[in-house]
Amino acid sequence: SGVVLTSGGAVIIDSGGSAQVGALILEELEKISDMTVIAIFNTHVHGDHWLGNAAIRKAYPQARIYAHARALERLQSGEADEWLDIMMRMTDAAIADTELQLPDTALQGGERLQLGNREFRIHHTGHAHTDSDIMVEFPLEKVLFTGDIVEHRRAVSVDVPADFSISGQIDAIRYLLQLPVEVFVPGHGYTGDREIPESALRFLETLQTSVQRYYEEGLQDFEMRDRVLEDLAEFQDWSGMDQIGKLISFVYLQVEAAAFE
């Protein structure tokens, strides 16, 4: 999660995965400013990035909540309840007081929003980590909030691989690396410079190339796991590598589908 202060109030990017996280963001905001919250951006449909909305909206009822139009569509069709159930199970019901507060303002990508005295540029490159991703650029400080298109020292998209397109995510990272940005705020992990998206890109490119090679050699997804892990040796200490098998399986399906196009 991130906060940008403007002359009109505070803007929050990703409210976290529970009412508790949303409340913690407000506690941290109060340490640096007495501003009201005027807007929230949810970078995509996954619940760990928006289930904190209700806590913030409760404190600031006028705050507008932005997300990609596809995120609104999916959440309104039942995925919001599914995500609350998922996060409840993952936390052993520790977030039982979390209520649903969906985004209310749809974005398509390409918008330039003036909030207070600050401009926010919205980027959407198509199906990447999900089909509902937005990246939020804060040009004044050359900062980009990437959502889960970039993750720091973490097997990219390993948590919900059924939702991602490896080619689309590679294209999205190549795109963001062309932006006039110096500071990158990933969806998970520490903020930093270009090395963060560049390392995520290397991971995905290596993974795709490796799975493609062994697919062409006739191996099934479960047969290539150890070889793919060898190719990914640079990333062996990253979080999520213990789940690499399921990521390989979904990349395998995408490589197979591309072969029949």
C-alpha atoms as a PDB file:
ATOM      1  CA  SER A   1       0.000   0.000   0.000  1.00  0.00           C
ATOM      2  CA  GLY A   2       1.057   3.584  -0.582  1.00  0.00           C
ATOM      3  CA  VAL A   3      -0.102   7.106   0.224  1.00  0.00           C
ATOM      4  CA  VAL A   4       0.335  10.285  -1.803  1.00  0.00           C
ATOM      5  CA  LEU A   5      -0.444  13.654  -0.187  1.00  0.00           C
ATOM      6  CA  THR A   6      -2.081  16.301  -2.363  1.00  0.00           C
ATOM      7  CA  SER A   7      -3.426  19.773  -1.670  1.00  0.00           C
ATOM      8  CA  GLY A   8      -6.943  18.296  -1.671  1.00  0.00           C
ATOM      9  CA  GLY A   9      -6.277  15.359   0.620  1.00  0.00           C
ATOM     10  CA  ALA A  10      -4.576  11.976   0.779  1.00  0.00           C
ATOM     11  CA  VAL A  11      -4.707   9.354  -1.964  1.00  0.00           C
ATOM     12  CA  ILE A  12      -4.236   5.698  -1.045  1.00  0.00           C
ATOM     13  CA  ILE A  13      -3.010   3.098  -3.513  1.00  0.00           C
ATOM     14  CA  ASP A  14      -4.209  -0.376  -2.465  1.00  0.00           C
ATOM     15  CA  SER A  15      -5.956  -0.599   0.883  1.00  0.00           C
ATOM     16  CA  GLY A  16      -4.713  -4.047   1.889  1.00  0.00           C
ATOM     17  CA  GLY A  17      -6.446  -7.345   2.543  1.00  0.00           C
ATOM     18  CA  SER A  18      -8.609  -6.670   5.601  1.00  0.00           C
ATOM     19  CA  ALA A  19     -10.295  -4.068   7.754  1.00  0.00           C
ATOM     20  CA  GLN A  20      -7.311  -4.284  10.099  1.00  0.00           C
ATOM     21  CA  VAL A  21      -4.847  -3.399   7.342  1.00  0.00           C
ATOM     22  CA  GLY A  22      -7.025  -0.520   6.203  1.00  0.00           C
ATOM     23  CA  ALA A  23      -7.109   0.792   9.770  1.00  0.00           C
ATOM     24  CA  LEU A  24      -3.320   0.468  10.072  1.00  0.00           C
ATOM     25  CA  ILE A  25      -2.884   2.541   6.914  1.00  0.00           C
ATOM     26  CA  LEU A  26      -5.016   5.283   8.466  1.00  0.00           C
ATOM     27  CA  GLU A  27      -2.968   5.099  11.683  1.00  0.00           C
ATOM     28  CA  GLU A  28       0.225   5.589   9.697  1.00  0.00           C
ATOM     29  CA  LEU A  29      -1.341   8.437   7.719  1.00  0.00           C
ATOM     30  CA  GLU A  30      -2.279  10.219  10.950  1.00  0.00           C
ATOM     31  CA  LYS A  31       1.396  10.199  11.985  1.00  0.00           C
ATOM     32  CA  ILE A  32       2.360  12.345   9.007  1.00  0.00           C
ATOM     33  CA  SER A  33      -0.744  14.365   8.153  1.00  0.00           C
ATOM     34  CA  ASP A  34      -4.200  15.401   9.315  1.00  0.00           C
ATOM     35  CA  MET A  35      -5.515  15.266   5.740  1.00  0.00           C
ATOM     36  CA  THR A  36      -8.723  13.505   4.824  1.00  0.00           C
ATOM     37  CA  VAL A  37      -8.608  10.656   2.322  1.00  0.00           C
ATOM     38  CA  ILE A  38     -10.124  11.729  -0.984  1.00  0.00           C
ATOM     39  CA  ALA A  39      -9.427   8.693  -3.162  1.00  0.00           C
ATOM     40  CA  ILE A  40      -8.345   5.062  -3.203  1.00  0.00           C
ATOM     41  CA  PHE A  41      -6.901   3.191  -6.178  1.00  0.00           C
ATOM     42  CA  ASN A  42      -7.260  -0.614  -6.226  1.00  0.00           C
ATOM     43  CA  THR A  43      -4.667  -1.959  -8.645  1.00  0.00           C
ATOM     44  CA  HIS A  44      -6.511  -5.198  -9.464  1.00  0.00           C
ATOM     45  CA  VAL A  45      -9.211  -7.655  -8.476  1.00  0.00           C
ATOM     46  CA  HIS A  46      -7.317  -9.768  -5.915  1.00  0.00           C
ATOM     47  CA  GLY A  47      -8.647  -9.321  -2.401  1.00  0.00           C
ATOM     48  CA  ASP A  48      -5.353  -8.611  -0.650  1.00  0.00           C
ATOM     49  CA  HIS A  49      -5.310  -5.278  -2.500  1.00  0.00           C
ATOM     50  CA  TRP A  50      -8.825  -3.972  -1.808  1.00  0.00           C
ATOM     51  CA  LEU A  51     -10.487  -5.616   1.230  1.00  0.00           C
ATOM     52  CA  GLY A  52      -9.262  -2.711   3.368  1.00  0.00           C
ATOM     53  CA  ASN A  53     -11.518  -0.334   1.414  1.00  0.00           C
ATOM     54  CA  ALA A  54     -14.368  -0.497   3.921  1.00  0.00           C
ATOM     55  CA  ALA A  55     -12.250   0.661   6.859  1.00  0.00           C
ATOM     56  CA  ILE A  56     -11.075   3.686   4.913  1.00  0.00           C
ATOM     57  CA  ARG A  57     -14.500   4.478   3.462  1.00  0.00           C
ATOM     58  CA  LYS A  58     -16.013   4.231   6.965  1.00  0.00           C
ATOM     59  CA  ALA A  59     -13.641   6.951   8.151  1.00  0.00           C
ATOM     60  CA  TYR A  60     -13.914   8.979   4.935  1.00  0.00           C
ATOM     61  CA  PRO A  61     -17.324   8.352   3.321  1.00  0.00           C
ATOM     62  CA  GLN A  62     -16.682  10.754   0.424  1.00  0.00           C
ATOM     63  CA  ALA A  63     -13.530   9.002  -0.767  1.00  0.00           C
ATOM     64  CA  ARG A  64     -13.868   7.763  -4.339  1.00  0.00           C
ATOM     65  CA  ILE A  65     -12.571   4.256  -5.055  1.00  0.00           C
ATOM     66  CA  TYR A  66     -11.024   3.710  -8.476  1.00  0.00           C
ATOM     67  CA  ALA A  67     -10.262   0.422 -10.249  1.00  0.00           C
ATOM     68  CA  HIS A  68     -10.208  -0.930 -13.772  1.00  0.00           C
ATOM     69  CA  ALA A  69     -13.647  -1.532 -15.280  1.00  0.00           C
ATOM     70  CA  ARG A  70     -12.920  -5.240 -15.519  1.00  0.00           C
ATOM     71  CA  ALA A  71     -12.219  -5.372 -11.767  1.00  0.00           C
ATOM     72  CA  LEU A  72     -15.597  -3.785 -11.053  1.00  0.00           C
ATOM     73  CA  GLU A  73     -17.291  -6.260 -13.367  1.00  0.00           C
ATOM     74  CA  ARG A  74     -15.647  -9.289 -11.794  1.00  0.00           C
ATOM     75  CA  LEU A  75     -16.170  -8.192  -8.206  1.00  0.00           C
ATOM     76  CA  GLN A  76     -19.812  -7.338  -8.787  1.00  0.00           C
ATOM     77  CA  SER A  77     -20.394 -10.742 -10.376  1.00  0.00           C
ATOM     78  CA  GLY A  78     -19.517 -12.628  -7.199  1.00  0.00           C
ATOM     79  CA  GLU A  79     -15.740 -12.595  -6.898  1.00  0.00           C
ATOM     80  CA  ALA A  80     -15.869 -10.094  -4.041  1.00  0.00           C
ATOM     81  CA  ASP A  81     -17.566 -12.666  -1.809  1.00  0.00           C
ATOM     82  CA  GLU A  82     -15.147 -15.341  -2.992  1.00  0.00           C
ATOM     83  CA  TRP A  83     -12.165 -13.200  -2.039  1.00  0.00           C
ATOM     84  CA  LEU A  84     -13.547 -12.466   1.396  1.00  0.00           C
ATOM     85  CA  ASP A  85     -14.033 -16.218   1.921  1.00  0.00           C
ATOM     86  CA  ILE A  86     -10.481 -16.924   0.737  1.00  0.00           C
ATOM     87  CA  MET A  87      -8.928 -14.352   3.046  1.00  0.00           C
ATOM     88  CA  MET A  88     -11.079 -15.525   5.953  1.00  0.00           C
ATOM     89  CA  ARG A  89      -9.780 -19.079   5.498  1.00  0.00           C
ATOM     90  CA  MET A  90      -6.189 -17.925   5.104  1.00  0.00           C
ATOM     91  CA  THR A  91      -6.354 -15.950   8.357  1.00  0.00           C
ATOM     92  CA  ASP A  92      -8.428 -18.439  10.385  1.00  0.00           C
ATOM     93  CA  ALA A  93     -11.240 -15.856  10.511  1.00  0.00           C
ATOM     94  CA  ALA A  94      -8.993 -13.199  12.048  1.00  0.00           C
ATOM     95  CA  ILE A  95     -10.511 -10.678   9.630  1.00  0.00           C
ATOM     96  CA  ALA A  96     -14.121 -11.495  10.528  1.00  0.00           C
ATOM     97  CA  ASP A  97     -15.009  -7.814  10.930  1.00  0.00           C
ATOM     98  CA  THR A  98     -14.005  -7.039   7.321  1.00  0.00           C
ATOM     99  CA  GLU A  99     -16.892  -5.825   5.179  1.00  0.00           C
ATOM    100  CA  LEU A 100     -17.133  -5.555   1.416  1.00  0.00           C
ATOM    101  CA  GLN A 101     -16.664  -2.120  -0.087  1.00  0.00           C
ATOM    102  CA  LEU A 102     -16.206  -2.402  -3.835  1.00  0.00           C
ATOM    103  CA  PRO A 103     -14.617   0.161  -6.133  1.00  0.00           C
ATOM    104  CA  ASP A 104     -17.159   2.613  -7.526  1.00  0.00           C
ATOM    105  CA  THR A 105     -15.333   4.438 -10.321  1.00  0.00           C
ATOM    106  CA  ALA A 106     -14.220   2.541 -13.422  1.00  0.00           C
ATOM    107  CA  LEU A 107     -10.978   3.206 -15.279  1.00  0.00           C
ATOM    108  CA  GLN A 108      -9.870   1.968 -18.699  1.00  0.00           C
ATOM    109  CA  GLY A 109      -6.223   3.037 -18.696  1.00  0.00           C
ATOM    110  CA  GLY A 110      -4.807   6.167 -20.272  1.00  0.00           C
ATOM    111  CA  GLU A 111      -6.539   8.545 -17.841  1.00  0.00           C
ATOM    112  CA  ARG A 112      -4.779  11.544 -16.358  1.00  0.00           C
ATOM    113  CA  LEU A 113      -6.524  12.407 -13.103  1.00  0.00           C
ATOM    114  CA  GLN A 114      -5.986  15.667 -11.264  1.00  0.00           C
ATOM    115  CA  LEU A 115      -6.474  15.089  -7.544  1.00  0.00           C
ATOM    116  CA  GLY A 116      -5.721  18.198  -5.567  1.00  0.00           C
ATOM    117  CA  ASN A 117      -2.545  19.652  -7.022  1.00  0.00           C
ATOM    118  CA  ARG A 118      -1.191  16.291  -8.163  1.00  0.00           C
ATOM    119  CA  GLU A 119      -1.592  14.432 -11.427  1.00  0.00           C
ATOM    120  CA  PHE A 120      -1.992  10.666 -11.507  1.00  0.00           C
ATOM    121  CA  ARG A 121      -1.540   8.750 -14.760  1.00  0.00           C
ATOM    122  CA  ILE A 122      -3.255   5.412 -15.172  1.00  0.00           C
ATOM    123  CA  HIS A 123      -1.681   2.629 -17.227  1.00  0.00           C
ATOM    124  CA  HIS A 124      -3.336  -0.596 -18.399  1.00  0.00           C
ATOM    125  CA  THR A 125      -1.529  -2.840 -20.869  1.00  0.00           C
ATOM    126  CA  GLY A 126      -4.100  -5.625 -21.184  1.00  0.00           C
ATOM    127  CA  HIS A 127      -4.072  -9.066 -19.606  1.00  0.00           C
ATOM    128  CA  ALA A 128      -0.967  -9.327 -17.408  1.00  0.00           C
ATOM    129  CA  HIS A 129      -1.032 -10.377 -13.730  1.00  0.00           C
ATOM    130  CA  THR A 130      -4.812 -10.309 -14.206  1.00  0.00           C
ATOM    131  CA  ASP A 131      -7.111  -8.847 -16.857  1.00  0.00           C
ATOM    132  CA  SER A 132      -7.918  -5.988 -14.463  1.00  0.00           C
ATOM    133  CA  ASP A 133      -4.514  -4.445 -13.695  1.00  0.00           C
ATOM    134  CA  ILE A 134      -3.834  -0.763 -13.437  1.00  0.00           C
ATOM    135  CA  MET A 135      -0.514   0.889 -12.686  1.00  0.00           C
ATOM    136  CA  VAL A 136      -0.618   4.324 -11.067  1.00  0.00           C
ATOM    137  CA  GLU A 137       2.106   6.782 -12.036  1.00  0.00           C
ATOM    138  CA  PHE A 138       2.867   9.821  -9.871  1.00  0.00           C
ATOM    139  CA  PRO A 139       4.863  11.889 -12.380  1.00  0.00           C
ATOM    140  CA  LEU A 140       5.928  14.695 -10.028  1.00  0.00           C
ATOM    141  CA  GLU A 141       8.141  12.331  -8.039  1.00  0.00           C
ATOM    142  CA  LYS A 142       8.767   9.849 -10.894  1.00  0.00           C
ATOM    143  CA  VAL A 143       7.071   7.081  -8.905  1.00  0.00           C
ATOM    144  CA  LEU A 144       5.101   4.129 -10.273  1.00  0.00           C
ATOM    145  CA  PHE A 145       2.810   1.912  -8.216  1.00  0.00           C
ATOM    146  CA  THR A 146       2.908  -1.311 -10.238  1.00  0.00           C
ATOM    147  CA  GLY A 147       0.412  -3.523  -8.428  1.00  0.00           C
ATOM    148  CA  ASP A 148       1.323  -7.191  -8.783  1.00  0.00           C
ATOM    149  CA  ILE A 149       2.645  -6.733 -12.306  1.00  0.00           C
ATOM    150  CA  VAL A 150       5.921  -6.425 -10.385  1.00  0.00           C
ATOM    151  CA  GLU A 151       6.786  -8.240  -7.176  1.00  0.00           C
ATOM    152  CA  HIS A 152      10.102  -7.921  -5.366  1.00  0.00           C
ATOM    153  CA  ARG A 153      12.123 -11.092  -4.750  1.00  0.00           C
ATOM    154  CA  ARG A 154       8.981 -13.188  -5.114  1.00  0.00           C
ATOM    155  CA  ALA A 155       7.976 -15.799  -7.697  1.00  0.00           C
ATOM    156  CA  VAL A 156       5.851 -13.500  -9.836  1.00  0.00           C
ATOM    157  CA  SER A 157       2.135 -14.410 -10.021  1.00  0.00           C
ATOM    158  CA  VAL A 158       2.650 -17.688  -8.150  1.00  0.00           C
ATOM    159  CA  ASP A 159      -0.303 -17.134  -5.793  1.00  0.00           C
ATOM    160  CA  VAL A 160      -3.048 -17.055  -8.445  1.00  0.00           C
ATOM    161  CA  PRO A 161      -1.420 -18.335 -11.642  1.00  0.00           C
ATOM    162  CA  ALA A 162      -4.790 -19.161 -13.200  1.00  0.00           C
ATOM    163  CA  ASP A 163      -5.374 -15.411 -13.495  1.00  0.00           C
ATOM    164  CA  PHE A 164      -2.199 -14.373 -15.284  1.00  0.00           C
ATOM    165  CA  SER A 165      -0.807 -14.279 -18.801  1.00  0.00           C
ATOM    166  CA  ILE A 166       2.945 -14.757 -18.796  1.00  0.00           C
ATOM    167  CA  SER A 167       3.362 -13.080 -22.194  1.00  0.00           C
ATOM    168  CA  GLY A 168       1.101 -10.242 -21.101  1.00  0.00           C
ATOM    169  CA  GLN A 169       2.970  -9.733 -17.858  1.00  0.00           C
ATOM    170  CA  ILE A 170       6.306  -9.703 -19.672  1.00  0.00           C
ATOM    171  CA  ASP A 171       4.940  -7.099 -22.090  1.00  0.00           C
ATOM    172  CA  ALA A 172       3.603  -5.025 -19.184  1.00  0.00           C
ATOM    173  CA  ILE A 173       6.995  -4.923 -17.439  1.00  0.00           C
ATOM    174  CA  ARG A 174       8.749  -4.012 -20.674  1.00  0.00           C
ATOM    175  CA  TYR A 175       6.214  -1.216 -21.074  1.00  0.00           C
ATOM    176  CA  LEU A 176       6.654   0.191 -17.576  1.00  0.00           C
ATOM    177  CA  LEU A 177      10.439   0.166 -17.958  1.00  0.00           C
ATOM    178  CA  GLN A 178      10.019   2.700 -20.780  1.00  0.00           C
ATOM    179  CA  LEU A 179       8.169   5.161 -18.530  1.00  0.00           C
ATOM    180  CA  PRO A 180       9.999   8.193 -17.047  1.00  0.00           C
ATOM    181  CA  VAL A 181      10.041   6.569 -13.612  1.00  0.00           C
ATOM    182  CA  GLU A 182      12.848   6.253 -11.074  1.00  0.00           C
ATOM    183  CA  VAL A 183      11.074   4.712  -8.063  1.00  0.00           C
ATOM    184  CA  PHE A 184       9.005   1.535  -8.348  1.00  0.00           C
ATOM    185  CA  VAL A 185       6.506   0.425  -5.703  1.00  0.00           C
ATOM    186  CA  PRO A 186       5.782  -3.283  -6.335  1.00  0.00           C
ATOM    187  CA  GLY A 187       2.627  -5.080  -5.287  1.00  0.00           C
ATOM    188  CA  HIS A 188       4.658  -7.129  -2.791  1.00  0.00           C
ATOM    189  CA  GLY A 189       8.101  -6.432  -1.377  1.00  0.00           C
ATOM    190  CA  TYR A 190      10.307  -3.408  -0.969  1.00  0.00           C
ATOM    191  CA  THR A 191      10.234  -0.206  -2.983  1.00  0.00           C
ATOM    192  CA  GLY A 192      13.311   0.592  -5.054  1.00  0.00           C
ATOM    193  CA  ASP A 193      14.896   1.375  -8.400  1.00  0.00           C
ATOM    194  CA  ARG A 194      14.824  -0.283 -11.825  1.00  0.00           C
ATOM    195  CA  GLU A 195      16.444  -3.459 -10.589  1.00  0.00           C
ATOM    196  CA  ILE A 196      13.133  -4.480  -9.032  1.00  0.00           C
ATOM    197  CA  PRO A 197      11.110  -4.645 -12.288  1.00  0.00           C
ATOM    198  CA  GLU A 198      14.166  -5.791 -14.224  1.00  0.00           C
ATOM    199  CA  SER A 199      14.642  -8.798 -11.932  1.00  0.00           C
ATOM    200  CA  ALA A 200      10.923  -9.651 -12.138  1.00  0.00           C
ATOM    201  CA  LEU A 201      11.225  -9.488 -15.924  1.00  0.00           C
ATOM    202  CA  ARG A 202      14.260 -11.797 -15.930  1.00  0.00           C
ATOM    203  CA  PHE A 203      12.336 -14.278 -13.806  1.00  0.00           C
ATOM    204  CA  LEU A 204       9.349 -14.362 -16.153  1.00  0.00           C
ATOM    205  CA  GLU A 205      11.427 -14.447 -19.341  1.00  0.00           C
ATOM    206  CA  THR A 206      13.572 -17.286 -17.963  1.00  0.00           C
ATOM    207  CA  LEU A 207      10.484 -19.199 -16.854  1.00  0.00           C
ATOM    208  CA  GLN A 208       8.749 -18.822 -20.202  1.00  0.00           C
ATOM    209  CA  THR A 209      11.849 -19.731 -22.222  1.00  0.00           C
ATOM    210  CA  SER A 210      12.538 -22.745 -20.018  1.00  0.00           C
ATOM    211  CA  VAL A 211       9.007 -24.157 -20.186  1.00  0.00           C
ATOM    212  CA  GLN A 212       8.906 -23.522 -23.938  1.00  0.00           C
ATOM    213  CA  ARG A 213      12.169 -25.442 -24.447  1.00  0.00           C
ATOM    214  CA  TYR A 214      11.102 -28.516 -22.500  1.00  0.00           C
ATOM    215  CA  TYR A 215       7.632 -28.467 -24.049  1.00  0.00           C
ATOM    216  CA  GLU A 216       9.255 -28.647 -27.474  1.00  0.00           C
ATOM    217  CA  GLU A 217      11.360 -31.572 -26.206  1.00  0.00           C
ATOM    218  CA  GLY A 218       8.134 -33.405 -25.393  1.00  0.00           C
ATOM    219  CA  LEU A 219       8.193 -33.209 -21.597  1.00  0.00           C
ATOM    220  CA  GLN A 220       5.003 -32.865 -19.564  1.00  0.00           C
ATOM    221  CA  ASP A 221       4.765 -30.096 -16.970  1.00  0.00           C
ATOM    222  CA  PHE A 222       5.494 -32.409 -14.015  1.00  0.00           C
ATOM    223  CA  GLU A 223       8.465 -33.892 -15.851  1.00  0.00           C
ATOM    224  CA  MET A 224      10.188 -30.564 -16.441  1.00  0.00           C
ATOM    225  CA  ARG A 225       9.930 -29.139 -12.923  1.00  0.00           C
ATOM    226  CA  ASP A 226      13.477 -29.906 -11.772  1.00  0.00           C
ATOM    227  CA  ARG A 227      14.996 -28.700 -15.035  1.00  0.00           C
ATOM    228  CA  VAL A 228      13.042 -25.447 -14.890  1.00  0.00           C
ATOM    229  CA  LEU A 229      14.215 -24.950 -11.313  1.00  0.00           C
ATOM    230  CA  GLU A 230      17.814 -25.321 -12.490  1.00  0.00           C
ATOM    231  CA  ASP A 231      17.213 -22.654 -15.117  1.00  0.00           C
ATOM    232  CA  LEU A 232      15.773 -20.416 -12.372  1.00  0.00           C
ATOM    233  CA  ALA A 233      18.769 -20.876 -10.065  1.00  0.00           C
ATOM    234  CA  GLU A 234      19.274 -17.093  -9.849  1.00  0.00           C
ATOM    235  CA  PHE A 235      15.937 -16.859  -8.054  1.00  0.00           C
ATOM    236  CA  GLN A 236      16.159 -19.904  -5.791  1.00  0.00           C
ATOM    237  CA  ASP A 237      15.921 -17.850  -2.579  1.00  0.00           C
ATOM    238  CA  TRP A 238      12.830 -15.906  -3.673  1.00  0.00           C
ATOM    239  CA  SER A 239       9.583 -16.253  -1.774  1.00  0.00           C
ATOM    240  CA  GLY A 240       7.095 -18.617  -3.404  1.00  0.00           C
ATOM    241  CA  MET A 241       9.637 -20.828  -5.149  1.00  0.00           C
ATOM    242  CA  ASP A 242       8.341 -23.768  -3.115  1.00  0.00           C
ATOM    243  CA  GLN A 243       5.129 -23.441  -5.181  1.00  0.00           C
ATOM    244  CA  ILE A 244       6.852 -23.234  -8.559  1.00  0.00           C
ATOM    245  CA  GLY A 245       5.203 -26.444  -9.748  1.00  0.00           C
ATOM    246  CA  LYS A 246       1.774 -24.851 -10.104  1.00  0.00           C
ATOM    247  CA  LEU A 247       3.266 -21.837 -11.878  1.00  0.00           C
ATOM    248  CA  ILE A 248       5.016 -24.154 -14.352  1.00  0.00           C
ATOM    249  CA  SER A 249       1.728 -25.960 -14.981  1.00  0.00           C
ATOM    250  CA  PHE A 250      -0.107 -22.786 -15.969  1.00  0.00           C
ATOM    251  CA  VAL A 251       2.755 -21.533 -18.116  1.00  0.00           C
ATOM    252  CA  TYR A 252       2.817 -24.957 -19.788  1.00  0.00           C
ATOM    253  CA  LEU A 253      -0.880 -24.612 -20.655  1.00  0.00           C
ATOM    254  CA  GLN A 254      -0.250 -21.179 -22.143  1.00  0.00           C
ATOM    255  CA  VAL A 255       2.700 -22.406 -24.179  1.00  0.00           C
ATOM    256  CA  GLU A 256       0.617 -25.341 -25.393  1.00  0.00           C
ATOM    257  CA  ALA A 257      -2.300 -23.066 -26.355  1.00  0.00           C
ATOM    258  CA  ALA A 258       0.057 -20.753 -28.282  1.00  0.00           C
ATOM    259  CA  ALA A 259       1.382 -23.719 -30.241  1.00  0.00           C
ATOM    260  CA  PHE A 260      -2.096 -24.385 -31.617  1.00  0.00           C
ATOM    261  CA  GLU A 261      -2.959 -20.796 -32.563  1.00  0.00           C
END
